[in-house]
Amino acid sequence: MVEFTYVITDEVGIHARPAGMLVKTASAYDSSVTLTVNGNTVDAKRLLSIMKLGAGKGQTAAFAIEGEDEEAAAEALKAFMQENL
């Protein structure tokens, strides 16, 4: 399992557009991807679950990736978060 955290810097947090892009990035891999914000954990491959988190600027997003391609998935998700959120 690969885990990492990222502090959200986007002014409006994880809103609809980047949430959709996050789901697309996570779904490109076979590994399971969970996202935890404020103690709430969701499947990062489900758009509505991510939207329900209400993740805002300054909050910490913790990812846990597990599966055959976990290293590649973690790198892609880290890059996505840095570029978009």
PDB file of N, CA and C in Angstrom:
ATOM      1  N   MET A   1       0.837  -1.176   0.000  1.00  0.00           N
ATOM      2  CA  MET A   1       0.000   0.000   0.000  1.00  0.00           C
ATOM      3  C   MET A   1       0.887   1.247   0.000  1.00  0.00           C
ATOM      4  N   VAL A   2       0.466   2.235  -0.785  1.00  0.00           N
ATOM      5  CA  VAL A   2       1.170   3.512  -0.850  1.00  0.00           C
ATOM      6  C   VAL A   2       0.230   4.575  -0.296  1.00  0.00           C
ATOM      7  N   GLU A   3       0.756   5.407   0.593  1.00  0.00           N
ATOM      8  CA  GLU A   3      -0.047   6.478   1.172  1.00  0.00           C
ATOM      9  C   GLU A   3       0.685   7.799   1.018  1.00  0.00           C
ATOM     10  N   PHE A   4      -0.078   8.880   0.824  1.00  0.00           N
ATOM     11  CA  PHE A   4       0.496  10.213   0.820  1.00  0.00           C
ATOM     12  C   PHE A   4      -0.583  11.219   1.176  1.00  0.00           C
ATOM     13  N   THR A   5      -0.150  12.398   1.600  1.00  0.00           N
ATOM     14  CA  THR A   5      -1.092  13.459   1.926  1.00  0.00           C
ATOM     15  C   THR A   5      -0.771  14.690   1.089  1.00  0.00           C
ATOM     16  N   TYR A   6      -1.777  15.529   0.943  1.00  0.00           N
ATOM     17  CA  TYR A   6      -1.613  16.767   0.192  1.00  0.00           C
ATOM     18  C   TYR A   6      -2.520  17.818   0.819  1.00  0.00           C
ATOM     19  N   VAL A   7      -1.980  19.004   1.078  1.00  0.00           N
ATOM     20  CA  VAL A   7      -2.783  20.102   1.611  1.00  0.00           C
ATOM     21  C   VAL A   7      -3.354  20.865   0.421  1.00  0.00           C
ATOM     22  N   ILE A   8      -4.667  20.970   0.379  1.00  0.00           N
ATOM     23  CA  ILE A   8      -5.359  21.613  -0.734  1.00  0.00           C
ATOM     24  C   ILE A   8      -5.072  23.107  -0.736  1.00  0.00           C
ATOM     25  N   THR A   9      -4.621  23.624  -1.877  1.00  0.00           N
ATOM     26  CA  THR A   9      -4.285  25.043  -1.993  1.00  0.00           C
ATOM     27  C   THR A   9      -5.256  25.810  -2.879  1.00  0.00           C
ATOM     28  N   ASP A  10      -6.105  25.119  -3.619  1.00  0.00           N
ATOM     29  CA  ASP A  10      -7.085  25.783  -4.483  1.00  0.00           C
ATOM     30  C   ASP A  10      -8.074  26.575  -3.625  1.00  0.00           C
ATOM     31  N   GLU A  11      -8.382  27.782  -4.042  1.00  0.00           N
ATOM     32  CA  GLU A  11      -9.260  28.678  -3.276  1.00  0.00           C
ATOM     33  C   GLU A  11     -10.622  28.078  -2.958  1.00  0.00           C
ATOM     34  N   VAL A  12     -11.179  27.289  -3.880  1.00  0.00           N
ATOM     35  CA  VAL A  12     -12.509  26.718  -3.650  1.00  0.00           C
ATOM     36  C   VAL A  12     -12.464  25.229  -3.317  1.00  0.00           C
ATOM     37  N   GLY A  13     -11.290  24.698  -3.118  1.00  0.00           N
ATOM     38  CA  GLY A  13     -11.159  23.302  -2.722  1.00  0.00           C
ATOM     39  C   GLY A  13     -11.445  22.346  -3.868  1.00  0.00           C
ATOM     40  N   ILE A  14     -11.878  21.146  -3.521  1.00  0.00           N
ATOM     41  CA  ILE A  14     -12.180  20.139  -4.537  1.00  0.00           C
ATOM     42  C   ILE A  14     -13.620  20.362  -4.990  1.00  0.00           C
ATOM     43  N   HIS A  15     -13.777  21.108  -6.061  1.00  0.00           N
ATOM     44  CA  HIS A  15     -15.103  21.376  -6.612  1.00  0.00           C
ATOM     45  C   HIS A  15     -15.334  20.460  -7.811  1.00  0.00           C
ATOM     46  N   ALA A  16     -16.438  20.645  -8.516  1.00  0.00           N
ATOM     47  CA  ALA A  16     -16.895  19.687  -9.529  1.00  0.00           C
ATOM     48  C   ALA A  16     -15.863  19.350 -10.607  1.00  0.00           C
ATOM     49  N   ARG A  17     -15.274  20.352 -11.236  1.00  0.00           N
ATOM     50  CA  ARG A  17     -14.354  20.081 -12.350  1.00  0.00           C
ATOM     51  C   ARG A  17     -13.144  19.262 -11.901  1.00  0.00           C
ATOM     52  N   PRO A  18     -12.396  19.723 -10.884  1.00  0.00           N
ATOM     53  CA  PRO A  18     -11.247  18.910 -10.488  1.00  0.00           C
ATOM     54  C   PRO A  18     -11.643  17.570  -9.865  1.00  0.00           C
ATOM     55  N   ALA A  19     -12.817  17.500  -9.252  1.00  0.00           N
ATOM     56  CA  ALA A  19     -13.266  16.218  -8.701  1.00  0.00           C
ATOM     57  C   ALA A  19     -13.451  15.210  -9.831  1.00  0.00           C
ATOM     58  N   GLY A  20     -14.041  15.654 -10.932  1.00  0.00           N
ATOM     59  CA  GLY A  20     -14.221  14.782 -12.091  1.00  0.00           C
ATOM     60  C   GLY A  20     -12.887  14.335 -12.667  1.00  0.00           C
ATOM     61  N   MET A  21     -11.947  15.273 -12.725  1.00  0.00           N
ATOM     62  CA  MET A  21     -10.619  14.938 -13.231  1.00  0.00           C
ATOM     63  C   MET A  21      -9.895  13.979 -12.285  1.00  0.00           C
ATOM     64  N   LEU A  22     -10.105  14.143 -10.985  1.00  0.00           N
ATOM     65  CA  LEU A  22      -9.500  13.256  -9.993  1.00  0.00           C
ATOM     66  C   LEU A  22     -10.039  11.840 -10.167  1.00  0.00           C
ATOM     67  N   VAL A  23     -11.346  11.712 -10.348  1.00  0.00           N
ATOM     68  CA  VAL A  23     -11.961  10.403 -10.569  1.00  0.00           C
ATOM     69  C   VAL A  23     -11.394   9.765 -11.835  1.00  0.00           C
ATOM     70  N   LYS A  24     -11.254  10.554 -12.888  1.00  0.00           N
ATOM     71  CA  LYS A  24     -10.716  10.028 -14.146  1.00  0.00           C
ATOM     72  C   LYS A  24      -9.283   9.526 -13.957  1.00  0.00           C
ATOM     73  N   THR A  25      -8.485  10.279 -13.219  1.00  0.00           N
ATOM     74  CA  THR A  25      -7.098   9.872 -12.957  1.00  0.00           C
ATOM     75  C   THR A  25      -7.057   8.590 -12.137  1.00  0.00           C
ATOM     76  N   ALA A  26      -7.829   8.531 -11.053  1.00  0.00           N
ATOM     77  CA  ALA A  26      -7.840   7.346 -10.190  1.00  0.00           C
ATOM     78  C   ALA A  26      -8.368   6.120 -10.930  1.00  0.00           C
ATOM     79  N   SER A  27      -9.375   6.331 -11.762  1.00  0.00           N
ATOM     80  CA  SER A  27     -10.008   5.222 -12.475  1.00  0.00           C
ATOM     81  C   SER A  27      -9.136   4.632 -13.578  1.00  0.00           C
ATOM     82  N   ALA A  28      -8.088   5.327 -13.952  1.00  0.00           N
ATOM     83  CA  ALA A  28      -7.186   4.821 -14.984  1.00  0.00           C
ATOM     84  C   ALA A  28      -6.317   3.673 -14.473  1.00  0.00           C
ATOM     85  N   TYR A  29      -6.385   3.402 -13.176  1.00  0.00           N
ATOM     86  CA  TYR A  29      -5.550   2.363 -12.565  1.00  0.00           C
ATOM     87  C   TYR A  29      -6.426   1.286 -11.947  1.00  0.00           C
ATOM     88  N   ASP A  30      -5.889   0.072 -11.878  1.00  0.00           N
ATOM     89  CA  ASP A  30      -6.625  -1.050 -11.299  1.00  0.00           C
ATOM     90  C   ASP A  30      -6.633  -1.017  -9.778  1.00  0.00           C
ATOM     91  N   SER A  31      -5.668  -0.366  -9.185  1.00  0.00           N
ATOM     92  CA  SER A  31      -5.564  -0.305  -7.731  1.00  0.00           C
ATOM     93  C   SER A  31      -6.769   0.398  -7.108  1.00  0.00           C
ATOM     94  N   SER A  32      -7.076   0.016  -5.881  1.00  0.00           N
ATOM     95  CA  SER A  32      -8.123   0.729  -5.151  1.00  0.00           C
ATOM     96  C   SER A  32      -7.520   2.026  -4.609  1.00  0.00           C
ATOM     97  N   VAL A  33      -8.309   3.093  -4.648  1.00  0.00           N
ATOM     98  CA  VAL A  33      -7.835   4.404  -4.215  1.00  0.00           C
ATOM     99  C   VAL A  33      -8.862   4.984  -3.253  1.00  0.00           C
ATOM    100  N   THR A  34      -8.432   5.264  -2.032  1.00  0.00           N
ATOM    101  CA  THR A  34      -9.329   5.922  -1.089  1.00  0.00           C
ATOM    102  C   THR A  34      -8.787   7.301  -0.761  1.00  0.00           C
ATOM    103  N   LEU A  35      -9.710   8.203  -0.462  1.00  0.00           N
ATOM    104  CA  LEU A  35      -9.389   9.580  -0.129  1.00  0.00           C
ATOM    105  C   LEU A  35     -10.044   9.895   1.203  1.00  0.00           C
ATOM    106  N   THR A  36      -9.251  10.442   2.133  1.00  0.00           N
ATOM    107  CA  THR A  36      -9.767  10.794   3.454  1.00  0.00           C
ATOM    108  C   THR A  36      -9.562  12.278   3.699  1.00  0.00           C
ATOM    109  N   VAL A  37     -10.644  12.959   4.084  1.00  0.00           N
ATOM    110  CA  VAL A  37     -10.603  14.368   4.457  1.00  0.00           C
ATOM    111  C   VAL A  37     -11.455  14.517   5.712  1.00  0.00           C
ATOM    112  N   ASN A  38     -10.905  15.143   6.732  1.00  0.00           N
ATOM    113  CA  ASN A  38     -11.627  15.360   8.001  1.00  0.00           C
ATOM    114  C   ASN A  38     -12.196  14.075   8.591  1.00  0.00           C
ATOM    115  N   GLY A  39     -11.461  12.982   8.478  1.00  0.00           N
ATOM    116  CA  GLY A  39     -11.893  11.718   9.061  1.00  0.00           C
ATOM    117  C   GLY A  39     -12.905  10.944   8.241  1.00  0.00           C
ATOM    118  N   ASN A  40     -13.320  11.488   7.110  1.00  0.00           N
ATOM    119  CA  ASN A  40     -14.274  10.803   6.233  1.00  0.00           C
ATOM    120  C   ASN A  40     -13.520  10.195   5.054  1.00  0.00           C
ATOM    121  N   THR A  41     -13.686   8.889   4.865  1.00  0.00           N
ATOM    122  CA  THR A  41     -12.978   8.169   3.814  1.00  0.00           C
ATOM    123  C   THR A  41     -13.950   7.738   2.731  1.00  0.00           C
ATOM    124  N   VAL A  42     -13.562   7.997   1.473  1.00  0.00           N
ATOM    125  CA  VAL A  42     -14.405   7.626   0.335  1.00  0.00           C
ATOM    126  C   VAL A  42     -13.565   6.965  -0.746  1.00  0.00           C
ATOM    127  N   ASP A  43     -14.257   6.312  -1.665  1.00  0.00           N
ATOM    128  CA  ASP A  43     -13.637   5.728  -2.849  1.00  0.00           C
ATOM    129  C   ASP A  43     -13.345   6.871  -3.821  1.00  0.00           C
ATOM    130  N   ALA A  44     -12.087   7.073  -4.169  1.00  0.00           N
ATOM    131  CA  ALA A  44     -11.693   8.185  -5.036  1.00  0.00           C
ATOM    132  C   ALA A  44     -12.074   7.956  -6.498  1.00  0.00           C
ATOM    133  N   LYS A  45     -12.731   6.853  -6.784  1.00  0.00           N
ATOM    134  CA  LYS A  45     -13.195   6.596  -8.142  1.00  0.00           C
ATOM    135  C   LYS A  45     -14.680   6.916  -8.291  1.00  0.00           C
ATOM    136  N   ARG A  46     -15.263   7.542  -7.265  1.00  0.00           N
ATOM    137  CA  ARG A  46     -16.693   7.877  -7.273  1.00  0.00           C
ATOM    138  C   ARG A  46     -16.874   9.380  -7.072  1.00  0.00           C
ATOM    139  N   LEU A  47     -17.364  10.033  -8.108  1.00  0.00           N
ATOM    140  CA  LEU A  47     -17.488  11.487  -8.116  1.00  0.00           C
ATOM    141  C   LEU A  47     -18.350  12.023  -6.972  1.00  0.00           C
ATOM    142  N   LEU A  48     -19.526  11.474  -6.784  1.00  0.00           N
ATOM    143  CA  LEU A  48     -20.412  11.996  -5.741  1.00  0.00           C
ATOM    144  C   LEU A  48     -19.818  11.827  -4.350  1.00  0.00           C
ATOM    145  N   SER A  49     -19.092  10.747  -4.144  1.00  0.00           N
ATOM    146  CA  SER A  49     -18.447  10.540  -2.841  1.00  0.00           C
ATOM    147  C   SER A  49     -17.425  11.637  -2.568  1.00  0.00           C
ATOM    148  N   ILE A  50     -16.645  11.987  -3.581  1.00  0.00           N
ATOM    149  CA  ILE A  50     -15.640  13.037  -3.414  1.00  0.00           C
ATOM    150  C   ILE A  50     -16.319  14.374  -3.160  1.00  0.00           C
ATOM    151  N   MET A  51     -17.391  14.658  -3.885  1.00  0.00           N
ATOM    152  CA  MET A  51     -18.097  15.924  -3.721  1.00  0.00           C
ATOM    153  C   MET A  51     -18.688  16.055  -2.315  1.00  0.00           C
ATOM    154  N   LYS A  52     -19.152  14.947  -1.747  1.00  0.00           N
ATOM    155  CA  LYS A  52     -19.749  14.970  -0.409  1.00  0.00           C
ATOM    156  C   LYS A  52     -18.727  15.303   0.681  1.00  0.00           C
ATOM    157  N   LEU A  53     -17.434  15.107   0.384  1.00  0.00           N
ATOM    158  CA  LEU A  53     -16.405  15.420   1.375  1.00  0.00           C
ATOM    159  C   LEU A  53     -16.358  16.912   1.685  1.00  0.00           C
ATOM    160  N   GLY A  54     -16.693  17.734   0.711  1.00  0.00           N
ATOM    161  CA  GLY A  54     -16.635  19.182   0.907  1.00  0.00           C
ATOM    162  C   GLY A  54     -15.234  19.663   1.246  1.00  0.00           C
ATOM    163  N   ALA A  55     -14.236  19.076   0.620  1.00  0.00           N
ATOM    164  CA  ALA A  55     -12.834  19.402   0.913  1.00  0.00           C
ATOM    165  C   ALA A  55     -12.503  20.817   0.464  1.00  0.00           C
ATOM    166  N   GLY A  56     -12.054  21.640   1.401  1.00  0.00           N
ATOM    167  CA  GLY A  56     -11.753  23.032   1.100  1.00  0.00           C
ATOM    168  C   GLY A  56     -10.281  23.368   1.237  1.00  0.00           C
ATOM    169  N   LYS A  57      -9.973  24.612   0.898  1.00  0.00           N
ATOM    170  CA  LYS A  57      -8.591  25.096   0.970  1.00  0.00           C
ATOM    171  C   LYS A  57      -8.046  24.929   2.388  1.00  0.00           C
ATOM    172  N   GLY A  58      -6.803  24.462   2.459  1.00  0.00           N
ATOM    173  CA  GLY A  58      -6.130  24.287   3.733  1.00  0.00           C
ATOM    174  C   GLY A  58      -6.362  22.944   4.396  1.00  0.00           C
ATOM    175  N   GLN A  59      -7.296  22.156   3.884  1.00  0.00           N
ATOM    176  CA  GLN A  59      -7.552  20.841   4.465  1.00  0.00           C
ATOM    177  C   GLN A  59      -6.583  19.824   3.871  1.00  0.00           C
ATOM    178  N   THR A  60      -6.327  18.789   4.643  1.00  0.00           N
ATOM    179  CA  THR A  60      -5.407  17.740   4.204  1.00  0.00           C
ATOM    180  C   THR A  60      -6.178  16.586   3.588  1.00  0.00           C
ATOM    181  N   ALA A  61      -5.778  16.228   2.378  1.00  0.00           N
ATOM    182  CA  ALA A  61      -6.344  15.081   1.679  1.00  0.00           C
ATOM    183  C   ALA A  61      -5.341  13.939   1.805  1.00  0.00           C
ATOM    184  N   ALA A  62      -5.789  12.826   2.381  1.00  0.00           N
ATOM    185  CA  ALA A  62      -4.920  11.663   2.560  1.00  0.00           C
ATOM    186  C   ALA A  62      -5.360  10.564   1.593  1.00  0.00           C
ATOM    187  N   PHE A  63      -4.421  10.104   0.797  1.00  0.00           N
ATOM    188  CA  PHE A  63      -4.700   9.055  -0.179  1.00  0.00           C
ATOM    189  C   PHE A  63      -4.085   7.744   0.276  1.00  0.00           C
ATOM    190  N   ALA A  64      -4.781   6.648   0.006  1.00  0.00           N
ATOM    191  CA  ALA A  64      -4.253   5.297   0.226  1.00  0.00           C
ATOM    192  C   ALA A  64      -4.532   4.515  -1.053  1.00  0.00           C
ATOM    193  N   ILE A  65      -3.483   3.990  -1.650  1.00  0.00           N
ATOM    194  CA  ILE A  65      -3.599   3.270  -2.916  1.00  0.00           C
ATOM    195  C   ILE A  65      -3.069   1.866  -2.704  1.00  0.00           C
ATOM    196  N   GLU A  66      -3.859   0.869  -3.130  1.00  0.00           N
ATOM    197  CA  GLU A  66      -3.431  -0.507  -2.941  1.00  0.00           C
ATOM    198  C   GLU A  66      -3.783  -1.337  -4.162  1.00  0.00           C
ATOM    199  N   GLY A  67      -2.785  -2.044  -4.687  1.00  0.00           N
ATOM    200  CA  GLY A  67      -3.003  -2.910  -5.836  1.00  0.00           C
ATOM    201  C   GLY A  67      -1.736  -3.086  -6.649  1.00  0.00           C
ATOM    202  N   GLU A  68      -1.881  -3.760  -7.768  1.00  0.00           N
ATOM    203  CA  GLU A  68      -0.730  -4.093  -8.610  1.00  0.00           C
ATOM    204  C   GLU A  68      -0.004  -2.869  -9.150  1.00  0.00           C
ATOM    205  N   ASP A  69      -0.743  -1.822  -9.478  1.00  0.00           N
ATOM    206  CA  ASP A  69      -0.131  -0.627 -10.065  1.00  0.00           C
ATOM    207  C   ASP A  69      -0.145   0.568  -9.106  1.00  0.00           C
ATOM    208  N   GLU A  70      -0.046   0.273  -7.816  1.00  0.00           N
ATOM    209  CA  GLU A  70      -0.163   1.319  -6.793  1.00  0.00           C
ATOM    210  C   GLU A  70       0.903   2.405  -6.901  1.00  0.00           C
ATOM    211  N   GLU A  71       2.114   2.038  -7.254  1.00  0.00           N
ATOM    212  CA  GLU A  71       3.183   3.040  -7.358  1.00  0.00           C
ATOM    213  C   GLU A  71       2.885   4.034  -8.481  1.00  0.00           C
ATOM    214  N   ALA A  72       2.495   3.519  -9.628  1.00  0.00           N
ATOM    215  CA  ALA A  72       2.180   4.392 -10.773  1.00  0.00           C
ATOM    216  C   ALA A  72       0.955   5.247 -10.466  1.00  0.00           C
ATOM    217  N   ALA A  73      -0.040   4.656  -9.833  1.00  0.00           N
ATOM    218  CA  ALA A  73      -1.251   5.406  -9.482  1.00  0.00           C
ATOM    219  C   ALA A  73      -0.928   6.523  -8.498  1.00  0.00           C
ATOM    220  N   ALA A  74      -0.092   6.226  -7.512  1.00  0.00           N
ATOM    221  CA  ALA A  74       0.275   7.239  -6.515  1.00  0.00           C
ATOM    222  C   ALA A  74       1.006   8.401  -7.168  1.00  0.00           C
ATOM    223  N   GLU A  75       1.921   8.104  -8.064  1.00  0.00           N
ATOM    224  CA  GLU A  75       2.661   9.168  -8.746  1.00  0.00           C
ATOM    225  C   GLU A  75       1.729  10.037  -9.591  1.00  0.00           C
ATOM    226  N   ALA A  76       0.798   9.402 -10.300  1.00  0.00           N
ATOM    227  CA  ALA A  76      -0.150  10.150 -11.126  1.00  0.00           C
ATOM    228  C   ALA A  76      -1.060  11.022 -10.267  1.00  0.00           C
ATOM    229  N   LEU A  77      -1.505  10.500  -9.149  1.00  0.00           N
ATOM    230  CA  LEU A  77      -2.390  11.268  -8.264  1.00  0.00           C
ATOM    231  C   LEU A  77      -1.650  12.419  -7.589  1.00  0.00           C
ATOM    232  N   LYS A  78      -0.409  12.179  -7.195  1.00  0.00           N
ATOM    233  CA  LYS A  78       0.396  13.267  -6.610  1.00  0.00           C
ATOM    234  C   LYS A  78       0.557  14.391  -7.624  1.00  0.00           C
ATOM    235  N   ALA A  79       0.896  14.030  -8.847  1.00  0.00           N
ATOM    236  CA  ALA A  79       1.078  15.032  -9.901  1.00  0.00           C
ATOM    237  C   ALA A  79      -0.228  15.778 -10.162  1.00  0.00           C
ATOM    238  N   PHE A  80      -1.333  15.059 -10.191  1.00  0.00           N
ATOM    239  CA  PHE A  80      -2.626  15.690 -10.414  1.00  0.00           C
ATOM    240  C   PHE A  80      -2.928  16.724  -9.320  1.00  0.00           C
ATOM    241  N   MET A  81      -2.746  16.324  -8.087  1.00  0.00           N
ATOM    242  CA  MET A  81      -3.056  17.216  -6.963  1.00  0.00           C
ATOM    243  C   MET A  81      -2.178  18.478  -7.023  1.00  0.00           C
ATOM    244  N   GLN A  82      -0.905  18.314  -7.301  1.00  0.00           N
ATOM    245  CA  GLN A  82       0.005  19.463  -7.356  1.00  0.00           C
ATOM    246  C   GLN A  82      -0.349  20.406  -8.506  1.00  0.00           C
ATOM    247  N   GLU A  83      -0.784  19.858  -9.612  1.00  0.00           N
ATOM    248  CA  GLU A  83      -1.089  20.686 -10.783  1.00  0.00           C
ATOM    249  C   GLU A  83      -2.470  21.335 -10.721  1.00  0.00           C
ATOM    250  N   ASN A  84      -3.416  20.723  -9.999  1.00  0.00           N
ATOM    251  CA  ASN A  84      -4.796  21.171 -10.059  1.00  0.00           C
ATOM    252  C   ASN A  84      -5.404  21.649  -8.750  1.00  0.00           C
ATOM    253  N   LEU A  85      -4.863  21.227  -7.636  1.00  0.00           N
ATOM    254  CA  LEU A  85      -5.475  21.578  -6.364  1.00  0.00           C
ATOM    255  C   LEU A  85      -4.444  22.099  -5.361  1.00  0.00           C
TER     256      LEU A  85
END
